[in-house]
Amino acid sequence: MPGPGPTPTMSAASEPAPTSSRRAFGLGIAVVGVLGAAVVGAIVTADATSSASMAEQPVESVVVQAAVLPDLEGDLGQNALEPDTANEDLRVDGGCTIEALSVRIGSSGDGVVCLQTALTDHGFYDDAIDGTFDDSVARAVMAYQEAEHLYVDGIVGRESAIELDIWPDEESLVTRTPPPAPGATDSLGFALSEVATTGDDAPPLPENSGSGRRVVYDRAGQRVWAVANDGEIIRSWLVSGSKYSNEMPGTHTVYSRSEMSTAWNGQAWLPQMIRYQKTDIGNIGFHAIPLHVSDNSVYQTSDELGHRLSGGCQRQANEDAAFMWSFAPVGTTIVVT
């Protein structure tokens, strides 16, 4: 496979993932001296459309952020301190689940009852099992997260729910469409990938997913829609999004793009990077399936799209990434549900 071509821009956390404050502090001390020169050396001049990239942040900020992030785009695709939950068999036995992508203070219902029961069974909760996520539940969650070396925030998302065995079967949430015929294209003439469809053949849009020309990303179903001004579904396809569920729901706007970017650790090329969300530890966006810098081999196959495998961004088949690069210039609306 030929070299990646365009000059890469430093996207220090285009595949971000949380770490607990306790682990982050230790990791930062251990590697900041090693990473300092490497990160600074990796920052090069950004292309004309990537004005908001990490390259323009103060050097001190870049070094600190890089120092505390787990290696989620390295050769192992997983930090040694984090349990690899990307491809575990998730709950399909009929046991209770949290019934949502996350529960937190203010949540209520059967999903919280399930959480309270699980925390009680693990010895972290001894209060009322009443389906109300209050301060006592949050304290129990944080104690559990600390004990299990998870990100400590009192919110039960994918990682914590998997460890508690109350995460729903993810595949049941994913709608897979038949592969298109060879040479099939969408209404704009772009070739469809094996996981893409168009027009009336596309699954329906999620409720309350906005209006007008936009891109809609459904985290539960790992599916994306490109929608025209008149509501036509130009294209819909599967992605591999974050296994940490750190893409924030809501309406966002594309604010920068790079034909080629790199993961924070410099070990992965991120082709056709389209950024739409800033977090405390970096940028999140859409890009083609990452390539190992060492040999340009892919991090995953197209068959794995629809599974959560990234640290934050949405990985796409090459055909879908090429479409997005054309469809989503700076200023495009991105709706995350």
Foldseek 3Di string as FASTA:
>chain_A
DDDLPDQAAAFQPQFFADFAPVQLVVQLVVCLVVCLVVLVVSHDDADPFAPPGPSPDDSVLLSSLNSRTAPCPAPVNGHPLADPPQDDQADDPPQAALPDQKDAQPFFDPSQLSLQVLLVVVPQADDDSHRHHHPRQLNSLQVVCVVSRHHRDSMDGQRSRRVSRRHDRLVVQADFAQADDPPDAFPVRFDDDRFKDFFPSDDDDDPPQDAAFAWEAEPSHQKIFGAHRVGGGRMMGHWAFASNPPPDFDKWFFRGWHQWYAYSVRQKIFGTWTWTDADPSGTETETEFIAGNVPRHGPDDPVCGRTHRTSGYIYDHPSVSVVCSVRHGGGHMYGYD
